[in-house]
PDB file of N, CA and C in Angstrom:
ATOM      1  N   MET A   1       8.799   5.141  17.810  1.00  0.00           N
ATOM      2  CA  MET A   1       8.906   6.591  17.650  1.00  0.00           C
ATOM      3  C   MET A   1      10.212   6.908  16.905  1.00  0.00           C
ATOM      4  N   SER A   2      10.085   7.658  15.831  1.00  0.00           N
ATOM      5  CA  SER A   2      11.260   7.895  14.999  1.00  0.00           C
ATOM      6  C   SER A   2      12.149   9.036  15.504  1.00  0.00           C
ATOM      7  N   ASN A   3      11.580   9.951  16.281  1.00  0.00           N
ATOM      8  CA  ASN A   3      12.331  11.110  16.768  1.00  0.00           C
ATOM      9  C   ASN A   3      12.894  11.970  15.645  1.00  0.00           C
ATOM     10  N   ILE A   4      12.264  11.907  14.477  1.00  0.00           N
ATOM     11  CA  ILE A   4      12.626  12.761  13.352  1.00  0.00           C
ATOM     12  C   ILE A   4      11.503  13.775  13.174  1.00  0.00           C
ATOM     13  N   ASP A   5      11.844  15.047  13.249  1.00  0.00           N
ATOM     14  CA  ASP A   5      10.853  16.123  13.081  1.00  0.00           C
ATOM     15  C   ASP A   5      10.992  16.688  11.677  1.00  0.00           C
ATOM     16  N   ILE A   6       9.850  16.884  11.019  1.00  0.00           N
ATOM     17  CA  ILE A   6       9.858  17.385   9.647  1.00  0.00           C
ATOM     18  C   ILE A   6       8.964  18.608   9.558  1.00  0.00           C
ATOM     19  N   GLN A   7       9.552  19.717   9.108  1.00  0.00           N
ATOM     20  CA  GLN A   7       8.824  20.974   8.932  1.00  0.00           C
ATOM     21  C   GLN A   7       8.911  21.381   7.462  1.00  0.00           C
ATOM     22  N   VAL A   8       7.789  21.899   6.924  1.00  0.00           N
ATOM     23  CA  VAL A   8       7.750  22.260   5.511  1.00  0.00           C
ATOM     24  C   VAL A   8       7.199  23.673   5.338  1.00  0.00           C
ATOM     25  N   ILE A   9       7.844  24.448   4.470  1.00  0.00           N
ATOM     26  CA  ILE A   9       7.355  25.774   4.074  1.00  0.00           C
ATOM     27  C   ILE A   9       7.182  25.736   2.561  1.00  0.00           C
ATOM     28  N   THR A  10       6.004  26.148   2.078  1.00  0.00           N
ATOM     29  CA  THR A  10       5.746  26.124   0.637  1.00  0.00           C
ATOM     30  C   THR A  10       5.692  27.544   0.083  1.00  0.00           C
ATOM     31  N   GLN A  11       5.934  27.627  -1.218  1.00  0.00           N
ATOM     32  CA  GLN A  11       5.850  28.922  -1.891  1.00  0.00           C
ATOM     33  C   GLN A  11       5.344  28.701  -3.316  1.00  0.00           C
ATOM     34  N   TYR A  12       4.399  29.529  -3.726  1.00  0.00           N
ATOM     35  CA  TYR A  12       3.898  29.507  -5.097  1.00  0.00           C
ATOM     36  C   TYR A  12       4.879  30.270  -5.977  1.00  0.00           C
ATOM     37  N   ILE A  13       5.276  29.684  -7.098  1.00  0.00           N
ATOM     38  CA  ILE A  13       6.248  30.321  -7.994  1.00  0.00           C
ATOM     39  C   ILE A  13       5.483  30.926  -9.168  1.00  0.00           C
ATOM     40  N   HIS A  14       5.081  32.174  -8.996  1.00  0.00           N
ATOM     41  CA  HIS A  14       4.256  32.873  -9.984  1.00  0.00           C
ATOM     42  C   HIS A  14       4.930  32.941 -11.350  1.00  0.00           C
ATOM     43  N   GLU A  15       6.240  33.222 -11.362  1.00  0.00           N
ATOM     44  CA  GLU A  15       6.967  33.427 -12.615  1.00  0.00           C
ATOM     45  C   GLU A  15       6.993  32.174 -13.495  1.00  0.00           C
ATOM     46  N   GLN A  16       6.949  30.992 -12.882  1.00  0.00           N
ATOM     47  CA  GLN A  16       7.019  29.744 -13.650  1.00  0.00           C
ATOM     48  C   GLN A  16       5.644  29.124 -13.908  1.00  0.00           C
ATOM     49  N   SER A  17       4.633  29.656 -13.252  1.00  0.00           N
ATOM     50  CA  SER A  17       3.281  29.112 -13.401  1.00  0.00           C
ATOM     51  C   SER A  17       2.591  29.709 -14.614  1.00  0.00           C
ATOM     52  N   LYS A  18       1.744  28.909 -15.230  1.00  0.00           N
ATOM     53  CA  LYS A  18       0.941  29.353 -16.375  1.00  0.00           C
ATOM     54  C   LYS A  18      -0.492  28.880 -16.140  1.00  0.00           C
ATOM     55  N   PRO A  19      -1.249  29.633 -15.327  1.00  0.00           N
ATOM     56  CA  PRO A  19      -2.605  29.204 -14.976  1.00  0.00           C
ATOM     57  C   PRO A  19      -3.485  28.911 -16.192  1.00  0.00           C
ATOM     58  N   ASP A  20      -3.350  29.701 -17.267  1.00  0.00           N
ATOM     59  CA  ASP A  20      -4.172  29.473 -18.455  1.00  0.00           C
ATOM     60  C   ASP A  20      -3.868  28.122 -19.105  1.00  0.00           C
ATOM     61  N   ALA A  21      -2.674  27.599 -18.870  1.00  0.00           N
ATOM     62  CA  ALA A  21      -2.269  26.313 -19.448  1.00  0.00           C
ATOM     63  C   ALA A  21      -2.360  25.167 -18.427  1.00  0.00           C
ATOM     64  N   GLY A  22      -2.925  25.460 -17.242  1.00  0.00           N
ATOM     65  CA  GLY A  22      -3.040  24.430 -16.216  1.00  0.00           C
ATOM     66  C   GLY A  22      -1.700  24.013 -15.638  1.00  0.00           C
ATOM     67  N   ARG A  23      -0.820  24.989 -15.427  1.00  0.00           N
ATOM     68  CA  ARG A  23       0.508  24.720 -14.856  1.00  0.00           C
ATOM     69  C   ARG A  23       0.684  25.608 -13.630  1.00  0.00           C
ATOM     70  N   PHE A  24       0.796  24.965 -12.474  1.00  0.00           N
ATOM     71  CA  PHE A  24       0.946  25.682 -11.212  1.00  0.00           C
ATOM     72  C   PHE A  24       2.191  25.136 -10.518  1.00  0.00           C
ATOM     73  N   VAL A  25       3.190  25.999 -10.326  1.00  0.00           N
ATOM     74  CA  VAL A  25       4.497  25.578  -9.822  1.00  0.00           C
ATOM     75  C   VAL A  25       4.670  26.048  -8.374  1.00  0.00           C
ATOM     76  N   PHE A  26       5.121  25.124  -7.549  1.00  0.00           N
ATOM     77  CA  PHE A  26       5.362  25.415  -6.139  1.00  0.00           C
ATOM     78  C   PHE A  26       6.758  24.938  -5.764  1.00  0.00           C
ATOM     79  N   SER A  27       7.382  25.654  -4.827  1.00  0.00           N
ATOM     80  CA  SER A  27       8.588  25.137  -4.193  1.00  0.00           C
ATOM     81  C   SER A  27       8.210  24.749  -2.772  1.00  0.00           C
ATOM     82  N   TYR A  28       8.970  23.826  -2.223  1.00  0.00           N
ATOM     83  CA  TYR A  28       8.779  23.477  -0.823  1.00  0.00           C
ATOM     84  C   TYR A  28      10.154  23.314  -0.189  1.00  0.00           C
ATOM     85  N   THR A  29      10.301  23.909   0.977  1.00  0.00           N
ATOM     86  CA  THR A  29      11.544  23.837   1.727  1.00  0.00           C
ATOM     87  C   THR A  29      11.297  22.975   2.949  1.00  0.00           C
ATOM     88  N   VAL A  30      12.065  21.907   3.053  1.00  0.00           N
ATOM     89  CA  VAL A  30      11.881  20.934   4.120  1.00  0.00           C
ATOM     90  C   VAL A  30      13.069  20.996   5.073  1.00  0.00           C
ATOM     91  N   THR A  31      12.772  21.007   6.361  1.00  0.00           N
ATOM     92  CA  THR A  31      13.807  20.875   7.385  1.00  0.00           C
ATOM     93  C   THR A  31      13.560  19.577   8.139  1.00  0.00           C
ATOM     94  N   VAL A  32      14.550  18.698   8.086  1.00  0.00           N
ATOM     95  CA  VAL A  32      14.496  17.403   8.760  1.00  0.00           C
ATOM     96  C   VAL A  32      15.421  17.506   9.971  1.00  0.00           C
ATOM     97  N   SER A  33      14.878  17.272  11.164  1.00  0.00           N
ATOM     98  CA  SER A  33      15.669  17.395  12.393  1.00  0.00           C
ATOM     99  C   SER A  33      15.694  16.064  13.135  1.00  0.00           C
ATOM    100  N   ASN A  34      16.878  15.688  13.596  1.00  0.00           N
ATOM    101  CA  ASN A  34      17.028  14.471  14.381  1.00  0.00           C
ATOM    102  C   ASN A  34      16.915  14.834  15.857  1.00  0.00           C
ATOM    103  N   LEU A  35      15.761  14.502  16.448  1.00  0.00           N
ATOM    104  CA  LEU A  35      15.530  14.795  17.859  1.00  0.00           C
ATOM    105  C   LEU A  35      15.880  13.603  18.747  1.00  0.00           C
ATOM    106  N   GLY A  36      16.355  12.535  18.122  1.00  0.00           N
ATOM    107  CA  GLY A  36      16.672  11.315  18.864  1.00  0.00           C
ATOM    108  C   GLY A  36      18.078  11.317  19.423  1.00  0.00           C
ATOM    109  N   GLU A  37      18.468  10.146  19.946  1.00  0.00           N
ATOM    110  CA  GLU A  37      19.777  10.001  20.573  1.00  0.00           C
ATOM    111  C   GLU A  37      20.772   9.277  19.675  1.00  0.00           C
ATOM    112  N   ASP A  38      20.321   8.834  18.493  1.00  0.00           N
ATOM    113  CA  ASP A  38      21.188   8.094  17.582  1.00  0.00           C
ATOM    114  C   ASP A  38      21.238   8.796  16.232  1.00  0.00           C
ATOM    115  N   PRO A  39      22.402   8.715  15.549  1.00  0.00           N
ATOM    116  CA  PRO A  39      22.467   9.265  14.196  1.00  0.00           C
ATOM    117  C   PRO A  39      21.473   8.543  13.281  1.00  0.00           C
ATOM    118  N   ALA A  40      21.005   9.250  12.251  1.00  0.00           N
ATOM    119  CA  ALA A  40      20.093   8.653  11.279  1.00  0.00           C
ATOM    120  C   ALA A  40      20.388   9.260   9.916  1.00  0.00           C
ATOM    121  N   LYS A  41      20.376   8.391   8.898  1.00  0.00           N
ATOM    122  CA  LYS A  41      20.654   8.822   7.533  1.00  0.00           C
ATOM    123  C   LYS A  41      19.369   8.753   6.726  1.00  0.00           C
ATOM    124  N   LEU A  42      19.087   9.823   5.969  1.00  0.00           N
ATOM    125  CA  LEU A  42      17.932   9.846   5.085  1.00  0.00           C
ATOM    126  C   LEU A  42      18.345   9.133   3.797  1.00  0.00           C
ATOM    127  N   ILE A  43      17.768   7.939   3.549  1.00  0.00           N
ATOM    128  CA  ILE A  43      18.203   7.152   2.402  1.00  0.00           C
ATOM    129  C   ILE A  43      17.209   7.180   1.239  1.00  0.00           C
ATOM    130  N   GLY A  44      15.959   7.577   1.517  1.00  0.00           N
ATOM    131  CA  GLY A  44      14.986   7.597   0.429  1.00  0.00           C
ATOM    132  C   GLY A  44      13.775   8.437   0.760  1.00  0.00           C
ATOM    133  N   ARG A  45      12.945   8.620  -0.265  1.00  0.00           N
ATOM    134  CA  ARG A  45      11.740   9.424  -0.082  1.00  0.00           C
ATOM    135  C   ARG A  45      10.573   8.762  -0.806  1.00  0.00           C
ATOM    136  N   HIS A  46       9.384   9.016  -0.299  1.00  0.00           N
ATOM    137  CA  HIS A  46       8.149   8.566  -0.936  1.00  0.00           C
ATOM    138  C   HIS A  46       7.114   9.675  -0.733  1.00  0.00           C
ATOM    139  N   TRP A  47       6.782  10.343  -1.834  1.00  0.00           N
ATOM    140  CA  TRP A  47       5.818  11.440  -1.795  1.00  0.00           C
ATOM    141  C   TRP A  47       4.504  10.989  -2.424  1.00  0.00           C
ATOM    142  N   ILE A  48       3.413  11.463  -1.870  1.00  0.00           N
ATOM    143  CA  ILE A  48       2.088  11.322  -2.476  1.00  0.00           C
ATOM    144  C   ILE A  48       1.589  12.738  -2.718  1.00  0.00           C
ATOM    145  N   ILE A  49       1.438  13.075  -3.993  1.00  0.00           N
ATOM    146  CA  ILE A  49       1.056  14.433  -4.399  1.00  0.00           C
ATOM    147  C   ILE A  49      -0.341  14.344  -5.000  1.00  0.00           C
ATOM    148  N   THR A  50      -1.276  15.090  -4.422  1.00  0.00           N
ATOM    149  CA  THR A  50      -2.665  15.033  -4.872  1.00  0.00           C
ATOM    150  C   THR A  50      -3.102  16.424  -5.289  1.00  0.00           C
ATOM    151  N   ASP A  51      -3.647  16.553  -6.499  1.00  0.00           N
ATOM    152  CA  ASP A  51      -4.126  17.872  -6.930  1.00  0.00           C
ATOM    153  C   ASP A  51      -5.615  18.013  -6.606  1.00  0.00           C
ATOM    154  N   ALA A  52      -6.186  19.160  -6.947  1.00  0.00           N
ATOM    155  CA  ALA A  52      -7.576  19.461  -6.593  1.00  0.00           C
ATOM    156  C   ALA A  52      -8.580  18.587  -7.341  1.00  0.00           C
ATOM    157  N   SER A  53      -8.123  17.904  -8.380  1.00  0.00           N
ATOM    158  CA  SER A  53      -8.991  16.973  -9.121  1.00  0.00           C
ATOM    159  C   SER A  53      -8.847  15.549  -8.594  1.00  0.00           C
ATOM    160  N   ASP A  54      -8.142  15.400  -7.475  1.00  0.00           N
ATOM    161  CA  ASP A  54      -7.850  14.097  -6.869  1.00  0.00           C
ATOM    162  C   ASP A  54      -6.948  13.222  -7.725  1.00  0.00           C
ATOM    163  N   ALA A  55      -6.229  13.817  -8.667  1.00  0.00           N
ATOM    164  CA  ALA A  55      -5.212  13.078  -9.420  1.00  0.00           C
ATOM    165  C   ALA A  55      -3.998  12.919  -8.505  1.00  0.00           C
ATOM    166  N   VAL A  56      -3.473  11.699  -8.430  1.00  0.00           N
ATOM    167  CA  VAL A  56      -2.376  11.399  -7.510  1.00  0.00           C
ATOM    168  C   VAL A  56      -1.118  11.050  -8.286  1.00  0.00           C
ATOM    169  N   GLN A  57      -0.007  11.677  -7.880  1.00  0.00           N
ATOM    170  CA  GLN A  57       1.322  11.305  -8.380  1.00  0.00           C
ATOM    171  C   GLN A  57       2.067  10.722  -7.185  1.00  0.00           C
ATOM    172  N   GLU A  58       2.739   9.606  -7.397  1.00  0.00           N
ATOM    173  CA  GLU A  58       3.611   9.071  -6.354  1.00  0.00           C
ATOM    174  C   GLU A  58       5.039   9.199  -6.835  1.00  0.00           C
ATOM    175  N   VAL A  59       5.892   9.706  -5.974  1.00  0.00           N
ATOM    176  CA  VAL A  59       7.302   9.894  -6.314  1.00  0.00           C
ATOM    177  C   VAL A  59       8.130   9.157  -5.265  1.00  0.00           C
ATOM    178  N   GLN A  60       8.959   8.237  -5.740  1.00  0.00           N
ATOM    179  CA  GLN A  60       9.863   7.521  -4.848  1.00  0.00           C
ATOM    180  C   GLN A  60      11.268   7.636  -5.406  1.00  0.00           C
ATOM    181  N   GLY A  61      12.235   7.667  -4.515  1.00  0.00           N
ATOM    182  CA  GLY A  61      13.600   7.758  -5.001  1.00  0.00           C
ATOM    183  C   GLY A  61      14.606   7.699  -3.886  1.00  0.00           C
ATOM    184  N   VAL A  62      15.856   7.688  -4.303  1.00  0.00           N
ATOM    185  CA  VAL A  62      16.974   7.652  -3.371  1.00  0.00           C
ATOM    186  C   VAL A  62      17.252   9.062  -2.868  1.00  0.00           C
ATOM    187  N   GLY A  63      17.380   9.200  -1.550  1.00  0.00           N
ATOM    188  CA  GLY A  63      17.753  10.482  -0.955  1.00  0.00           C
ATOM    189  C   GLY A  63      16.824  11.623  -1.321  1.00  0.00           C
ATOM    190  N   VAL A  64      17.352  12.829  -1.196  1.00  0.00           N
ATOM    191  CA  VAL A  64      16.639  14.062  -1.551  1.00  0.00           C
ATOM    192  C   VAL A  64      17.625  14.984  -2.247  1.00  0.00           C
ATOM    193  N   VAL A  65      17.198  15.628  -3.308  1.00  0.00           N
ATOM    194  CA  VAL A  65      18.034  16.526  -4.116  1.00  0.00           C
ATOM    195  C   VAL A  65      19.459  15.985  -4.324  1.00  0.00           C
ATOM    196  N   GLY A  66      19.531  14.685  -4.607  1.00  0.00           N
ATOM    197  CA  GLY A  66      20.819  14.072  -4.896  1.00  0.00           C
ATOM    198  C   GLY A  66      21.695  13.794  -3.686  1.00  0.00           C
ATOM    199  N   GLU A  67      21.156  13.931  -2.497  1.00  0.00           N
ATOM    200  CA  GLU A  67      21.946  13.723  -1.284  1.00  0.00           C
ATOM    201  C   GLU A  67      21.265  12.721  -0.367  1.00  0.00           C
ATOM    202  N   GLN A  68      22.062  12.110   0.483  1.00  0.00           N
ATOM    203  CA  GLN A  68      21.572  11.230   1.543  1.00  0.00           C
ATOM    204  C   GLN A  68      22.180  11.721   2.859  1.00  0.00           C
ATOM    205  N   PRO A  69      21.606  12.784   3.411  1.00  0.00           N
ATOM    206  CA  PRO A  69      22.227  13.386   4.600  1.00  0.00           C
ATOM    207  C   PRO A  69      22.166  12.473   5.832  1.00  0.00           C
ATOM    208  N   ARG A  70      23.266  12.448   6.569  1.00  0.00           N
ATOM    209  CA  ARG A  70      23.335  11.736   7.854  1.00  0.00           C
ATOM    210  C   ARG A  70      23.262  12.786   8.944  1.00  0.00           C
ATOM    211  N   LEU A  71      22.278  12.609   9.818  1.00  0.00           N
ATOM    212  CA  LEU A  71      22.039  13.596  10.874  1.00  0.00           C
ATOM    213  C   LEU A  71      22.454  13.047  12.230  1.00  0.00           C
ATOM    214  N   GLU A  72      23.389  13.720  12.847  1.00  0.00           N
ATOM    215  CA  GLU A  72      23.749  13.408  14.225  1.00  0.00           C
ATOM    216  C   GLU A  72      22.600  13.877  15.126  1.00  0.00           C
ATOM    217  N   PRO A  73      22.509  13.359  16.354  1.00  0.00           N
ATOM    218  CA  PRO A  73      21.493  13.851  17.279  1.00  0.00           C
ATOM    219  C   PRO A  73      21.574  15.378  17.403  1.00  0.00           C
ATOM    220  N   GLY A  74      20.437  16.030  17.279  1.00  0.00           N
ATOM    221  CA  GLY A  74      20.374  17.486  17.382  1.00  0.00           C
ATOM    222  C   GLY A  74      20.617  18.218  16.078  1.00  0.00           C
ATOM    223  N   GLU A  75      21.045  17.513  15.035  1.00  0.00           N
ATOM    224  CA  GLU A  75      21.317  18.159  13.753  1.00  0.00           C
ATOM    225  C   GLU A  75      20.065  18.253  12.898  1.00  0.00           C
ATOM    226  N   SER A  76      20.074  19.242  11.990  1.00  0.00           N
ATOM    227  CA  SER A  76      18.994  19.433  11.030  1.00  0.00           C
ATOM    228  C   SER A  76      19.589  19.537   9.631  1.00  0.00           C
ATOM    229  N   TYR A  77      18.757  19.211   8.651  1.00  0.00           N
ATOM    230  CA  TYR A  77      19.131  19.317   7.241  1.00  0.00           C
ATOM    231  C   TYR A  77      17.971  19.992   6.522  1.00  0.00           C
ATOM    232  N   THR A  78      18.287  21.020   5.725  1.00  0.00           N
ATOM    233  CA  THR A  78      17.249  21.759   5.007  1.00  0.00           C
ATOM    234  C   THR A  78      17.547  21.715   3.514  1.00  0.00           C
ATOM    235  N   TYR A  79      16.509  21.477   2.729  1.00  0.00           N
ATOM    236  CA  TYR A  79      16.649  21.507   1.278  1.00  0.00           C
ATOM    237  C   TYR A  79      15.373  22.068   0.662  1.00  0.00           C
ATOM    238  N   THR A  80      15.480  22.507  -0.590  1.00  0.00           N
ATOM    239  CA  THR A  80      14.332  23.026  -1.326  1.00  0.00           C
ATOM    240  C   THR A  80      14.188  22.253  -2.629  1.00  0.00           C
ATOM    241  N   SER A  81      12.955  21.905  -2.935  1.00  0.00           N
ATOM    242  CA  SER A  81      12.652  21.227  -4.184  1.00  0.00           C
ATOM    243  C   SER A  81      11.363  21.825  -4.740  1.00  0.00           C
ATOM    244  N   GLY A  82      10.823  21.234  -5.785  1.00  0.00           N
ATOM    245  CA  GLY A  82       9.632  21.813  -6.392  1.00  0.00           C
ATOM    246  C   GLY A  82       8.694  20.762  -6.940  1.00  0.00           C
ATOM    247  N   VAL A  83       7.488  21.213  -7.242  1.00  0.00           N
ATOM    248  CA  VAL A  83       6.452  20.343  -7.791  1.00  0.00           C
ATOM    249  C   VAL A  83       5.571  21.170  -8.722  1.00  0.00           C
ATOM    250  N   VAL A  84       5.068  20.526  -9.763  1.00  0.00           N
ATOM    251  CA  VAL A  84       4.169  21.171 -10.709  1.00  0.00           C
ATOM    252  C   VAL A  84       2.821  20.463 -10.628  1.00  0.00           C
ATOM    253  N   LEU A  85       1.757  21.249 -10.451  1.00  0.00           N
ATOM    254  CA  LEU A  85       0.398  20.711 -10.414  1.00  0.00           C
ATOM    255  C   LEU A  85      -0.381  21.142 -11.650  1.00  0.00           C
ATOM    256  N   ASP A  86      -1.390  20.349 -11.995  1.00  0.00           N
ATOM    257  CA  ASP A  86      -2.302  20.704 -13.085  1.00  0.00           C
ATOM    258  C   ASP A  86      -3.467  21.557 -12.580  1.00  0.00           C
ATOM    259  N   THR A  87      -3.606  21.656 -11.259  1.00  0.00           N
ATOM    260  CA  THR A  87      -4.669  22.467 -10.662  1.00  0.00           C
ATOM    261  C   THR A  87      -4.047  23.513  -9.742  1.00  0.00           C
ATOM    262  N   GLU A  88      -4.834  24.494  -9.380  1.00  0.00           N
ATOM    263  CA  GLU A  88      -4.328  25.624  -8.601  1.00  0.00           C
ATOM    264  C   GLU A  88      -3.886  25.232  -7.189  1.00  0.00           C
ATOM    265  N   THR A  89      -4.488  24.191  -6.642  1.00  0.00           N
ATOM    266  CA  THR A  89      -4.164  23.783  -5.276  1.00  0.00           C
ATOM    267  C   THR A  89      -3.929  22.273  -5.222  1.00  0.00           C
ATOM    268  N   GLY A  90      -3.312  21.835  -4.150  1.00  0.00           N
ATOM    269  CA  GLY A  90      -3.081  20.415  -3.943  1.00  0.00           C
ATOM    270  C   GLY A  90      -2.483  20.173  -2.578  1.00  0.00           C
ATOM    271  N   THR A  91      -2.132  18.912  -2.333  1.00  0.00           N
ATOM    272  CA  THR A  91      -1.501  18.540  -1.067  1.00  0.00           C
ATOM    273  C   THR A  91      -0.354  17.578  -1.344  1.00  0.00           C
ATOM    274  N   MET A  92       0.556  17.522  -0.384  1.00  0.00           N
ATOM    275  CA  MET A  92       1.648  16.557  -0.420  1.00  0.00           C
ATOM    276  C   MET A  92       1.781  15.925   0.955  1.00  0.00           C
ATOM    277  N   SER A  93       2.149  14.650   0.962  1.00  0.00           N
ATOM    278  CA  SER A  93       2.456  13.939   2.203  1.00  0.00           C
ATOM    279  C   SER A  93       3.367  12.779   1.819  1.00  0.00           C
ATOM    280  N   GLY A  94       3.759  12.001   2.812  1.00  0.00           N
ATOM    281  CA  GLY A  94       4.598  10.856   2.500  1.00  0.00           C
ATOM    282  C   GLY A  94       5.495  10.490   3.661  1.00  0.00           C
ATOM    283  N   HIS A  95       6.662   9.950   3.326  1.00  0.00           N
ATOM    284  CA  HIS A  95       7.633   9.614   4.367  1.00  0.00           C
ATOM    285  C   HIS A  95       9.045   9.579   3.796  1.00  0.00           C
ATOM    286  N   TYR A  96       9.988   9.742   4.715  1.00  0.00           N
ATOM    287  CA  TYR A  96      11.394   9.555   4.394  1.00  0.00           C
ATOM    288  C   TYR A  96      11.812   8.192   4.940  1.00  0.00           C
ATOM    289  N   GLU A  97      12.589   7.463   4.154  1.00  0.00           N
ATOM    290  CA  GLU A  97      13.173   6.213   4.618  1.00  0.00           C
ATOM    291  C   GLU A  97      14.488   6.573   5.297  1.00  0.00           C
ATOM    292  N   MET A  98      14.591   6.201   6.544  1.00  0.00           N
ATOM    293  CA  MET A  98      15.752   6.543   7.365  1.00  0.00           C
ATOM    294  C   MET A  98      16.476   5.270   7.772  1.00  0.00           C
ATOM    295  N   GLN A  99      17.779   5.418   8.081  1.00  0.00           N
ATOM    296  CA  GLN A  99      18.561   4.259   8.528  1.00  0.00           C
ATOM    297  C   GLN A  99      19.498   4.679   9.645  1.00  0.00           C
ATOM    298  N   ARG A 100      19.469   3.899  10.709  1.00  0.00           N
ATOM    299  CA  ARG A 100      20.400   4.133  11.810  1.00  0.00           C
ATOM    300  C   ARG A 100      21.755   3.488  11.471  1.00  0.00           C
ATOM    301  N   ASP A 101      22.790   3.849  12.206  1.00  0.00           N
ATOM    302  CA  ASP A 101      24.122   3.284  11.974  1.00  0.00           C
ATOM    303  C   ASP A 101      24.128   1.764  12.126  1.00  0.00           C
ATOM    304  N   SER A 102      23.208   1.236  12.941  1.00  0.00           N
ATOM    305  CA  SER A 102      23.118  -0.217  13.166  1.00  0.00           C
ATOM    306  C   SER A 102      22.567  -0.953  11.944  1.00  0.00           C
ATOM    307  N   GLY A 103      22.033  -0.184  10.979  1.00  0.00           N
ATOM    308  CA  GLY A 103      21.424  -0.797   9.802  1.00  0.00           C
ATOM    309  C   GLY A 103      19.902  -0.842   9.891  1.00  0.00           C
ATOM    310  N   GLU A 104      19.358  -0.612  11.090  1.00  0.00           N
ATOM    311  CA  GLU A 104      17.905  -0.598  11.272  1.00  0.00           C
ATOM    312  C   GLU A 104      17.299   0.521  10.430  1.00  0.00           C
ATOM    313  N   GLN A 105      16.246   0.170   9.686  1.00  0.00           N
ATOM    314  CA  GLN A 105      15.564   1.166   8.874  1.00  0.00           C
ATOM    315  C   GLN A 105      14.196   1.478   9.458  1.00  0.00           C
ATOM    316  N   PHE A 106      13.770   2.721   9.268  1.00  0.00           N
ATOM    317  CA  PHE A 106      12.444   3.133   9.738  1.00  0.00           C
ATOM    318  C   PHE A 106      11.956   4.268   8.855  1.00  0.00           C
ATOM    319  N   ASN A 107      10.663   4.501   8.898  1.00  0.00           N
ATOM    320  CA  ASN A 107      10.069   5.592   8.126  1.00  0.00           C
ATOM    321  C   ASN A 107       9.770   6.770   9.034  1.00  0.00           C
ATOM    322  N   ALA A 108      10.093   7.964   8.550  1.00  0.00           N
ATOM    323  CA  ALA A 108       9.747   9.207   9.248  1.00  0.00           C
ATOM    324  C   ALA A 108       8.617   9.849   8.447  1.00  0.00           C
ATOM    325  N   LYS A 109       7.457   9.935   9.059  1.00  0.00           N
ATOM    326  CA  LYS A 109       6.270  10.441   8.372  1.00  0.00           C
ATOM    327  C   LYS A 109       6.400  11.933   8.065  1.00  0.00           C
ATOM    328  N   ILE A 110       6.016  12.290   6.834  1.00  0.00           N
ATOM    329  CA  ILE A 110       5.960  13.693   6.439  1.00  0.00           C
ATOM    330  C   ILE A 110       4.499  14.107   6.554  1.00  0.00           C
ATOM    331  N   PRO A 111       4.167  14.985   7.492  1.00  0.00           N
ATOM    332  CA  PRO A 111       2.770  15.391   7.643  1.00  0.00           C
ATOM    333  C   PRO A 111       2.256  16.062   6.364  1.00  0.00           C
ATOM    334  N   ALA A 112       0.979  15.854   6.073  1.00  0.00           N
ATOM    335  CA  ALA A 112       0.376  16.467   4.885  1.00  0.00           C
ATOM    336  C   ALA A 112       0.480  17.982   4.973  1.00  0.00           C
ATOM    337  N   PHE A 113       0.778  18.607   3.824  1.00  0.00           N
ATOM    338  CA  PHE A 113       0.783  20.068   3.757  1.00  0.00           C
ATOM    339  C   PHE A 113       0.123  20.505   2.470  1.00  0.00           C
ATOM    340  N   ALA A 114      -0.388  21.730   2.478  1.00  0.00           N
ATOM    341  CA  ALA A 114      -1.141  22.247   1.347  1.00  0.00           C
ATOM    342  C   ALA A 114      -0.250  23.052   0.400  1.00  0.00           C
ATOM    343  N   LEU A 115      -0.576  22.963  -0.883  1.00  0.00           N
ATOM    344  CA  LEU A 115       0.055  23.776  -1.912  1.00  0.00           C
ATOM    345  C   LEU A 115      -1.034  24.720  -2.407  1.00  0.00           C
ATOM    346  N   VAL A 116      -0.936  25.992  -2.008  1.00  0.00           N
ATOM    347  CA  VAL A 116      -1.995  26.963  -2.289  1.00  0.00           C
ATOM    348  C   VAL A 116      -1.369  28.302  -2.636  1.00  0.00           C
ATOM    349  N   PRO A 117      -1.691  28.874  -3.800  1.00  0.00           N
ATOM    350  CA  PRO A 117      -1.184  30.214  -4.113  1.00  0.00           C
ATOM    351  C   PRO A 117      -1.782  31.246  -3.152  1.00  0.00           C
ATOM    352  N   PRO A 118      -1.047  32.321  -2.867  1.00  0.00           N
ATOM    353  CA  PRO A 118      -1.532  33.335  -1.909  1.00  0.00           C
ATOM    354  C   PRO A 118      -2.909  33.890  -2.274  1.00  0.00           C
ATOM    355  N   HIS A 119      -3.194  34.079  -3.557  1.00  0.00           N
ATOM    356  CA  HIS A 119      -4.481  34.671  -3.932  1.00  0.00           C
ATOM    357  C   HIS A 119      -5.653  33.713  -3.717  1.00  0.00           C
ATOM    358  N   ALA A 120      -5.371  32.415  -3.499  1.00  0.00           N
ATOM    359  CA  ALA A 120      -6.434  31.430  -3.298  1.00  0.00           C
ATOM    360  C   ALA A 120      -6.784  31.227  -1.833  1.00  0.00           C
ATOM    361  N   VAL A 121      -6.042  31.877  -0.928  1.00  0.00           N
ATOM    362  CA  VAL A 121      -6.307  31.736   0.508  1.00  0.00           C
ATOM    363  C   VAL A 121      -7.413  32.712   0.883  1.00  0.00           C
ATOM    364  N   HIS A 122      -8.408  32.186   1.583  1.00  0.00           N
ATOM    365  CA  HIS A 122      -9.554  33.042   1.976  1.00  0.00           C
ATOM    366  C   HIS A 122      -9.338  33.599   3.363  1.00  0.00           C
TER     367      HIS A 122
END
């Protein structure tokens, strides 16, 4: 059990999207909370981004938004990033690579979330 809680809020960015050109821009704000008893550092990310045509992009990298936050027990870290889809809707999921002070590494699962513009919600 990783004891890392991950919450995501998405937003459709109308001003940057160009539906006629197949460009749909979303921001996502992630809050990573350490619910465990040991500090943990977010050292990497692995995203799986799937659009409505089942086209998949995988994104892997060091940290998030240029940072590798270390979370003490009870601490949270929030950041905002963005994604561009070729279709109006899609999903994202994945995991964060975390490391305890002891050097032990583990993955914190990012639950799947939907990328949907407000006008597409029924």
